[in-house]
Amino acid sequence: MVREKLNTPEGRKFLLALFVVFLIAAAGVGRATIVGVIEQYNIPLSQWTSSMFVLQSAMIFVYSLVFTVLLAIPLGIYFLGGKDKQ
């Protein structure tokens, strides 16, 4: 049932909207995270260790995913909800 709804034009718009939300969230969270670490600890990006890159990237991914899941609810209602017959 879910797969059938996602194969419709509304489903494709929903998936595209989720992708855009994820990209916006990743850009915002990534900027805040990276700039925050640089300013808080005075460590320039060129001096980061590989483990710092991995941990910060994982944190950016997780937070972006959380924002995307939270916004999936209203987007799903908007794109995949029943059509009002008014």
C-alpha atoms as a PDB file:
ATOM      1  CA  MET A   1       0.000   0.000   0.000  1.00  0.00           C
ATOM      2  CA  VAL A   2       2.760   2.461   0.896  1.00  0.00           C
ATOM      3  CA  ARG A   3       4.771   1.539  -2.187  1.00  0.00           C
ATOM      4  CA  GLU A   4       1.712   2.140  -4.365  1.00  0.00           C
ATOM      5  CA  LYS A   5       1.280   5.643  -2.934  1.00  0.00           C
ATOM      6  CA  LEU A   6       4.961   6.471  -3.398  1.00  0.00           C
ATOM      7  CA  ASN A   7       4.809   5.505  -7.092  1.00  0.00           C
ATOM      8  CA  THR A   8       2.206   8.173  -7.784  1.00  0.00           C
ATOM      9  CA  PRO A   9       3.123  11.732  -8.802  1.00  0.00           C
ATOM     10  CA  GLU A  10       2.192  12.899  -5.287  1.00  0.00           C
ATOM     11  CA  GLY A  11       4.481  10.241  -3.828  1.00  0.00           C
ATOM     12  CA  ARG A  12       7.378  11.411  -5.966  1.00  0.00           C
ATOM     13  CA  LYS A  13       6.764  15.000  -4.861  1.00  0.00           C
ATOM     14  CA  PHE A  14       6.723  13.786  -1.245  1.00  0.00           C
ATOM     15  CA  LEU A  15      10.064  11.997  -1.658  1.00  0.00           C
ATOM     16  CA  LEU A  16      11.558  15.027  -3.384  1.00  0.00           C
ATOM     17  CA  ALA A  17      10.327  17.261  -0.554  1.00  0.00           C
ATOM     18  CA  LEU A  18      11.921  14.915   2.005  1.00  0.00           C
ATOM     19  CA  PHE A  19      15.195  15.001   0.094  1.00  0.00           C
ATOM     20  CA  VAL A  20      15.140  18.806  -0.013  1.00  0.00           C
ATOM     21  CA  VAL A  21      14.349  18.950   3.721  1.00  0.00           C
ATOM     22  CA  PHE A  22      17.262  16.611   4.430  1.00  0.00           C
ATOM     23  CA  LEU A  23      19.650  18.747   2.368  1.00  0.00           C
ATOM     24  CA  ILE A  24      18.534  21.961   4.066  1.00  0.00           C
ATOM     25  CA  ALA A  25      18.788  20.361   7.506  1.00  0.00           C
ATOM     26  CA  ALA A  26      22.230  18.929   6.716  1.00  0.00           C
ATOM     27  CA  ALA A  27      23.452  22.314   5.512  1.00  0.00           C
ATOM     28  CA  GLY A  28      22.153  24.112   8.597  1.00  0.00           C
ATOM     29  CA  VAL A  29      23.234  21.517  11.133  1.00  0.00           C
ATOM     30  CA  GLY A  30      26.561  21.027   9.379  1.00  0.00           C
ATOM     31  CA  ARG A  31      27.337  24.713   9.397  1.00  0.00           C
ATOM     32  CA  ALA A  32      26.343  25.085  13.048  1.00  0.00           C
ATOM     33  CA  THR A  33      28.308  22.014  14.076  1.00  0.00           C
ATOM     34  CA  ILE A  34      31.494  22.749  12.190  1.00  0.00           C
ATOM     35  CA  VAL A  35      31.565  26.462  12.998  1.00  0.00           C
ATOM     36  CA  GLY A  36      30.704  25.661  16.613  1.00  0.00           C
ATOM     37  CA  VAL A  37      33.625  23.266  16.994  1.00  0.00           C
ATOM     38  CA  ILE A  38      36.025  25.664  15.309  1.00  0.00           C
ATOM     39  CA  GLU A  39      34.965  28.621  17.496  1.00  0.00           C
ATOM     40  CA  GLN A  40      34.522  26.702  20.751  1.00  0.00           C
ATOM     41  CA  TYR A  41      37.785  24.765  20.703  1.00  0.00           C
ATOM     42  CA  ASN A  42      39.865  27.021  18.414  1.00  0.00           C
ATOM     43  CA  ILE A  43      40.778  24.082  16.189  1.00  0.00           C
ATOM     44  CA  PRO A  44      40.920  25.008  12.501  1.00  0.00           C
ATOM     45  CA  LEU A  45      39.448  22.536  10.051  1.00  0.00           C
ATOM     46  CA  SER A  46      42.912  21.729   8.704  1.00  0.00           C
ATOM     47  CA  GLN A  47      43.949  20.372  12.131  1.00  0.00           C
ATOM     48  CA  TRP A  48      40.985  18.069  12.662  1.00  0.00           C
ATOM     49  CA  THR A  49      41.750  14.397  13.100  1.00  0.00           C
ATOM     50  CA  SER A  50      39.951  11.773  11.063  1.00  0.00           C
ATOM     51  CA  SER A  51      37.980  10.679  14.129  1.00  0.00           C
ATOM     52  CA  MET A  52      36.711  14.251  14.568  1.00  0.00           C
ATOM     53  CA  PHE A  53      35.491  14.243  10.959  1.00  0.00           C
ATOM     54  CA  VAL A  54      33.761  10.889  11.467  1.00  0.00           C
ATOM     55  CA  LEU A  55      32.070  11.909  14.727  1.00  0.00           C
ATOM     56  CA  GLN A  56      30.923  15.296  13.448  1.00  0.00           C
ATOM     57  CA  SER A  57      29.674  13.773  10.183  1.00  0.00           C
ATOM     58  CA  ALA A  58      27.726  11.134  12.101  1.00  0.00           C
ATOM     59  CA  MET A  59      26.208  13.802  14.326  1.00  0.00           C
ATOM     60  CA  ILE A  60      25.242  15.925  11.316  1.00  0.00           C
ATOM     61  CA  PHE A  61      23.645  12.895   9.644  1.00  0.00           C
ATOM     62  CA  VAL A  62      21.677  11.858  12.735  1.00  0.00           C
ATOM     63  CA  TYR A  63      20.358  15.346  13.484  1.00  0.00           C
ATOM     64  CA  SER A  64      19.449  15.919   9.828  1.00  0.00           C
ATOM     65  CA  LEU A  65      17.642  12.592   9.775  1.00  0.00           C
ATOM     66  CA  VAL A  66      15.687  13.538  12.909  1.00  0.00           C
ATOM     67  CA  PHE A  67      14.605  16.855  11.371  1.00  0.00           C
ATOM     68  CA  THR A  68      13.612  15.039   8.186  1.00  0.00           C
ATOM     69  CA  VAL A  69      11.548  12.439  10.046  1.00  0.00           C
ATOM     70  CA  LEU A  70       9.800  15.146  12.064  1.00  0.00           C
ATOM     71  CA  LEU A  71       8.903  17.083   8.927  1.00  0.00           C
ATOM     72  CA  ALA A  72       7.855  13.896   7.100  1.00  0.00           C
ATOM     73  CA  ILE A  73       4.613  13.840   9.087  1.00  0.00           C
ATOM     74  CA  PRO A  74       3.168  17.156   7.856  1.00  0.00           C
ATOM     75  CA  LEU A  75       4.639  16.635   4.383  1.00  0.00           C
ATOM     76  CA  GLY A  76       3.041  13.191   4.212  1.00  0.00           C
ATOM     77  CA  ILE A  77      -0.316  14.621   5.176  1.00  0.00           C
ATOM     78  CA  TYR A  78       0.048  17.389   2.601  1.00  0.00           C
ATOM     79  CA  PHE A  79       1.220  15.232  -0.302  1.00  0.00           C
ATOM     80  CA  LEU A  80      -0.248  11.803   0.469  1.00  0.00           C
ATOM     81  CA  GLY A  81      -3.325  12.684   2.494  1.00  0.00           C
ATOM     82  CA  GLY A  82      -6.803  12.173   1.171  1.00  0.00           C
ATOM     83  CA  LYS A  83      -8.207  14.650  -1.258  1.00  0.00           C
ATOM     84  CA  ASP A  84     -10.846  16.992   0.196  1.00  0.00           C
ATOM     85  CA  LYS A  85     -14.052  17.052  -1.823  1.00  0.00           C
ATOM     86  CA  GLN A  86     -15.203  20.586  -1.185  1.00  0.00           C
END
